[in-house]
Amino acid sequence: MAQLDGRVALVTGGGSGIGLACTERFRADGATVVTLDIAGDVDHVTDVRDEDGVRDAITDTVQRHGSLDIVVNAAGVAGGGPVHMVPIEEWDRVIGINLTGTFLVCKHAAEVMLAQRRGSIINISSIEGIEGTEGGSAYNASKAGVILLTKTMAIDYGLHGIRANAICPGGINTPLLRDLIDAPGMETYRSAMLGAHKMGRFGEPSEIAGVAAFLASDDASFVTGHALVADGGMTAGLRPGLFETY
């Protein structure tokens, strides 16, 4: 497939997980991809909370490749707990990376895209930005913020040829998820989490990358302001097991 031929994409969190999968998929689809992450084998080693670093990465991308057509904000961290147990430093870390970092990348990417009068912004949110989870506090708040930030950008920039969409994954087999569910004492959580996915499995990063590739492509030319759920049926509703004999 070459549905992204000639496009230039910036992927944050491009060193692992969903960001790495998006990088690989976009390159396979013909795009030039610039990666940004806090560490690893990426083009720009930058914390998304560092506005100067973000601005420099975007400026360098345009200078080297001539445009910025696609942005995927996949940089993110987990964290939270019941509100009364969350230190302010933890709250600031999670909100800072997941929401403020997304804002900063979008802010400087939008300036480029406004001048071009075209662009596709894809922000990785979560189903936990749509519905609450036990102890989700900081993470859920950050991902809900990403969804409304995305919708607002779709409103603000739609007349300028810029589309903005969010992807809301369920449990995806990334280092972030594995670190959480494989930790000691998390056996019950892991079982409940897996059971909530109606397909009986967690998703793979490549499956979310496929959704991102669609949103970045001309096939999604009339799609903006959407929070696309890709969760293996997790938010479809309850399955009490009445009809599992067939």
Protein backbone atom coordinates (compact mmCIF):
# COMPACT_ATOMS: atom_id res chain seq x y z
CA MET A 1 0.00 0.00 0.00
CA ALA A 2 1.13 3.56 -0.71
CA GLN A 3 -1.77 5.61 0.63
CA LEU A 4 0.59 8.02 2.39
CA ASP A 5 3.06 8.54 -0.46
CA GLY A 6 4.72 11.93 -0.26
CA ARG A 7 3.38 12.75 3.22
CA VAL A 8 5.60 13.83 6.10
CA ALA A 9 4.60 12.63 9.56
CA LEU A 10 5.80 13.37 13.07
CA VAL A 11 5.14 10.66 15.65
CA THR A 12 5.68 11.30 19.35
CA GLY A 13 6.32 8.32 21.57
CA GLY A 14 7.84 6.85 18.43
CA GLY A 15 10.36 4.68 20.25
CA SER A 16 7.97 1.98 21.46
CA GLY A 17 4.41 0.74 21.66
CA ILE A 18 1.73 2.41 19.59
CA GLY A 19 4.08 5.18 18.45
CA LEU A 20 6.59 2.69 17.07
CA ALA A 21 3.83 0.72 15.36
CA CYS A 22 2.51 3.92 13.74
CA THR A 23 6.02 4.76 12.55
CA GLU A 24 6.42 1.35 10.94
CA ARG A 25 2.96 1.39 9.35
CA PHE A 26 3.27 4.92 7.99
CA ARG A 27 6.65 4.17 6.45
CA ALA A 28 5.23 1.02 4.86
CA ASP A 29 2.45 3.19 3.43
CA GLY A 30 4.97 5.55 1.83
CA ALA A 31 5.30 8.38 4.35
CA THR A 32 8.48 10.02 5.58
CA VAL A 33 8.31 9.68 9.36
CA VAL A 34 10.15 11.72 11.97
CA THR A 35 10.12 10.24 15.48
CA LEU A 36 10.27 11.93 18.85
CA ASP A 37 10.56 10.30 22.25
CA ILE A 38 12.15 10.87 25.62
CA ALA A 39 14.80 8.22 24.87
CA GLY A 40 15.74 5.53 22.38
CA ASP A 41 16.54 5.24 18.70
CA VAL A 42 14.50 8.21 17.49
CA ASP A 43 15.14 11.34 15.46
CA HIS A 44 14.53 13.76 18.33
CA VAL A 45 15.15 12.89 21.98
CA THR A 46 12.76 15.32 23.61
CA ASP A 47 10.30 15.44 26.48
CA VAL A 48 6.94 16.56 25.07
CA ARG A 49 6.59 18.89 28.07
CA ASP A 50 9.61 20.87 26.78
CA GLU A 51 8.09 23.48 24.48
CA ASP A 52 11.44 24.57 23.06
CA GLY A 53 12.34 20.98 22.25
CA VAL A 54 8.97 20.36 20.61
CA ARG A 55 9.21 23.56 18.58
CA ASP A 56 12.73 22.70 17.44
CA ALA A 57 11.70 19.18 16.36
CA ILE A 58 8.84 20.53 14.27
CA THR A 59 10.96 23.29 12.75
CA ASP A 60 13.68 20.79 11.87
CA THR A 61 11.12 18.43 10.31
CA VAL A 62 9.80 21.14 8.00
CA GLN A 63 13.28 22.39 7.10
CA ARG A 64 14.49 18.89 6.23
CA HIS A 65 11.39 17.54 4.50
CA GLY A 66 9.47 20.58 3.30
CA SER A 67 6.16 20.04 5.08
CA LEU A 68 4.35 18.50 8.03
CA ASP A 69 1.26 16.65 6.86
CA ILE A 70 0.50 14.26 9.74
CA VAL A 71 1.05 14.35 13.49
CA VAL A 72 0.46 11.39 15.79
CA ASN A 73 0.63 12.17 19.50
CA ALA A 74 1.35 8.78 21.03
CA ALA A 75 3.65 9.83 23.89
CA GLY A 76 2.01 8.93 27.17
CA VAL A 77 2.36 7.50 30.66
CA ALA A 78 0.12 5.70 33.12
CA GLY A 79 -0.55 6.88 36.64
CA GLY A 80 -3.22 7.75 39.13
CA GLY A 81 -5.00 6.21 42.09
CA PRO A 82 -7.87 7.35 44.29
CA VAL A 83 -7.76 11.14 44.34
CA HIS A 84 -6.90 11.45 48.03
CA MET A 85 -3.84 9.24 47.47
CA VAL A 86 -2.36 11.03 44.44
CA PRO A 87 0.64 13.28 45.17
CA ILE A 88 0.56 16.57 43.27
CA GLU A 89 3.85 15.62 41.63
CA GLU A 90 2.24 12.48 40.16
CA TRP A 91 -0.80 14.43 38.98
CA ASP A 92 1.44 17.01 37.30
CA ARG A 93 3.57 14.31 35.65
CA VAL A 94 0.63 12.47 34.09
CA ILE A 95 -1.29 15.58 33.03
CA GLY A 96 1.94 17.18 31.82
CA ILE A 97 2.95 14.35 29.51
CA ASN A 98 -0.44 13.10 28.34
CA LEU A 99 -2.35 16.37 27.96
CA THR A 100 0.04 19.32 28.06
CA GLY A 101 2.54 17.48 25.86
CA THR A 102 -0.18 16.76 23.32
CA PHE A 103 -1.23 20.42 23.44
CA LEU A 104 2.33 21.66 22.84
CA VAL A 105 2.88 19.41 19.83
CA CYS A 106 -0.49 20.39 18.39
CA LYS A 107 0.19 24.07 19.03
CA HIS A 108 3.36 24.17 16.97
CA ALA A 109 2.17 21.69 14.35
CA ALA A 110 -0.98 23.75 13.80
CA GLU A 111 1.09 26.82 12.94
CA VAL A 112 2.76 24.88 10.14
CA MET A 113 -0.46 23.29 8.95
CA LEU A 114 -2.29 26.62 8.89
CA ALA A 115 0.33 27.99 6.52
CA GLN A 116 -0.03 24.87 4.34
CA ARG A 117 -3.84 24.83 4.67
CA ARG A 118 -3.77 21.09 5.16
CA GLY A 119 -2.92 18.49 7.76
CA SER A 120 -4.13 15.57 9.85
CA ILE A 121 -3.66 15.50 13.61
CA ILE A 122 -4.21 12.18 15.38
CA ASN A 123 -4.13 12.13 19.17
CA ILE A 124 -3.96 8.86 21.07
CA SER A 125 -6.48 9.03 23.89
CA SER A 126 -8.02 5.97 25.59
CA ILE A 127 -11.36 4.42 26.41
CA GLU A 128 -10.50 5.68 29.89
CA GLY A 129 -11.02 9.16 28.50
CA ILE A 130 -14.60 8.16 27.69
CA GLU A 131 -15.62 6.25 30.82
CA GLY A 132 -14.16 6.09 34.30
CA THR A 133 -12.10 3.30 35.79
CA GLU A 134 -11.31 2.50 39.39
CA GLY A 135 -8.35 4.57 40.54
CA GLY A 136 -7.97 6.18 37.13
CA SER A 137 -7.99 9.81 38.33
CA ALA A 138 -4.99 11.50 36.68
CA TYR A 139 -4.79 9.19 33.66
CA ASN A 140 -8.53 9.35 32.95
CA ALA A 141 -8.59 13.12 33.33
CA SER A 142 -5.65 13.51 30.96
CA LYS A 143 -7.16 11.29 28.28
CA ALA A 144 -10.59 12.93 28.55
CA GLY A 145 -8.84 16.25 28.09
CA VAL A 146 -7.16 14.93 24.94
CA ILE A 147 -10.56 14.09 23.44
CA LEU A 148 -12.03 17.54 24.01
CA LEU A 149 -8.81 19.23 22.91
CA THR A 150 -9.08 17.23 19.69
CA LYS A 151 -12.72 18.13 19.12
CA THR A 152 -11.99 21.80 19.73
CA MET A 153 -9.17 21.76 17.19
CA ALA A 154 -11.50 20.14 14.65
CA ILE A 155 -13.84 23.09 15.14
CA ASP A 156 -11.12 25.74 15.06
CA TYR A 157 -9.21 24.45 12.06
CA GLY A 158 -11.75 22.68 9.86
CA LEU A 159 -12.09 25.63 7.49
CA HIS A 160 -8.31 25.64 7.03
CA GLY A 161 -8.03 22.09 5.68
CA ILE A 162 -6.84 20.60 8.96
CA ARG A 163 -8.50 17.50 10.42
CA ALA A 164 -8.14 16.46 14.07
CA ASN A 165 -9.20 13.09 15.41
CA ALA A 166 -8.54 10.96 18.48
CA ILE A 167 -8.14 7.21 18.83
CA CYS A 168 -9.41 5.59 22.03
CA PRO A 169 -7.75 2.19 22.42
CA GLY A 170 -8.68 -0.46 24.93
CA GLY A 171 -5.96 -2.65 26.41
CA ILE A 172 -3.11 -2.80 23.93
CA ASN A 173 -0.13 -5.13 24.28
CA THR A 174 2.47 -2.42 24.85
CA PRO A 175 5.23 -2.06 27.45
CA LEU A 176 2.97 0.42 29.27
CA LEU A 177 0.22 -2.18 29.69
CA ARG A 178 2.57 -5.06 30.43
CA ASP A 179 4.31 -3.08 33.19
CA LEU A 180 0.92 -2.51 34.78
CA ILE A 181 -0.80 -5.88 34.51
CA ASP A 182 2.30 -8.00 35.11
CA ALA A 183 3.20 -6.25 38.36
CA PRO A 184 2.96 -8.29 41.57
CA GLY A 185 -0.53 -8.27 43.05
CA MET A 186 -2.23 -7.33 39.78
CA GLU A 187 -3.50 -10.82 38.88
CA THR A 188 -7.15 -10.00 39.64
CA TYR A 189 -6.96 -6.75 37.70
CA ARG A 190 -5.31 -8.48 34.74
CA SER A 191 -8.05 -11.14 34.62
CA ALA A 192 -10.85 -8.58 34.89
CA MET A 193 -9.27 -6.35 32.27
CA LEU A 194 -8.86 -9.19 29.81
CA GLY A 195 -12.38 -10.46 30.44
CA ALA A 196 -13.85 -7.03 29.67
CA HIS A 197 -12.56 -7.26 26.11
CA LYS A 198 -15.36 -9.01 24.23
CA MET A 199 -12.90 -10.46 21.73
CA GLY A 200 -11.12 -12.30 24.55
CA ARG A 201 -7.72 -10.71 23.99
CA PHE A 202 -5.80 -7.48 24.21
CA GLY A 203 -5.12 -5.54 21.04
CA GLU A 204 -1.79 -5.24 19.26
CA PRO A 205 -0.05 -1.92 18.56
CA SER A 206 -0.22 -2.66 14.83
CA GLU A 207 -4.02 -2.69 15.05
CA ILE A 208 -4.07 0.85 16.42
CA ALA A 209 -1.52 1.87 13.80
CA GLY A 210 -3.95 0.64 11.14
CA VAL A 211 -6.63 2.93 12.54
CA ALA A 212 -4.16 5.83 12.56
CA ALA A 213 -3.18 5.11 8.96
CA PHE A 214 -6.84 5.32 7.95
CA LEU A 215 -7.32 8.64 9.77
CA ALA A 216 -4.16 10.03 8.16
CA SER A 217 -5.21 8.99 4.67
CA ASP A 218 -7.52 10.53 2.08
CA ASP A 219 -10.01 7.73 2.85
CA ALA A 220 -10.80 9.73 6.00
CA SER A 221 -11.04 13.08 4.21
CA PHE A 222 -14.48 13.80 5.71
CA VAL A 223 -13.64 12.57 9.21
CA THR A 224 -12.76 15.17 11.82
CA GLY A 225 -13.59 15.78 15.46
CA HIS A 226 -14.09 12.07 16.02
CA ALA A 227 -12.99 9.92 18.98
CA LEU A 228 -12.65 6.53 17.32
CA VAL A 229 -12.92 3.63 19.78
CA ALA A 230 -10.71 0.59 19.07
CA ASP A 231 -11.18 -1.53 22.15
CA GLY A 232 -12.10 -5.08 21.19
CA GLY A 233 -15.64 -4.43 22.36
CA MET A 234 -14.65 -3.38 25.87
CA THR A 235 -17.10 -0.47 25.99
CA ALA A 236 -19.88 -2.26 24.06
CA GLY A 237 -21.65 -3.27 27.27
CA LEU A 238 -21.94 -6.13 29.73
CA ARG A 239 -21.55 -9.78 28.81
CA PRO A 240 -22.88 -11.84 31.74
CA GLY A 241 -22.30 -15.15 29.94
CA LEU A 242 -25.85 -16.26 29.23
CA PHE A 243 -25.11 -17.49 25.73
CA GLU A 244 -21.57 -18.81 25.85
CA THR A 245 -22.51 -22.43 25.19
CA TYR A 246 -22.58 -22.07 21.41
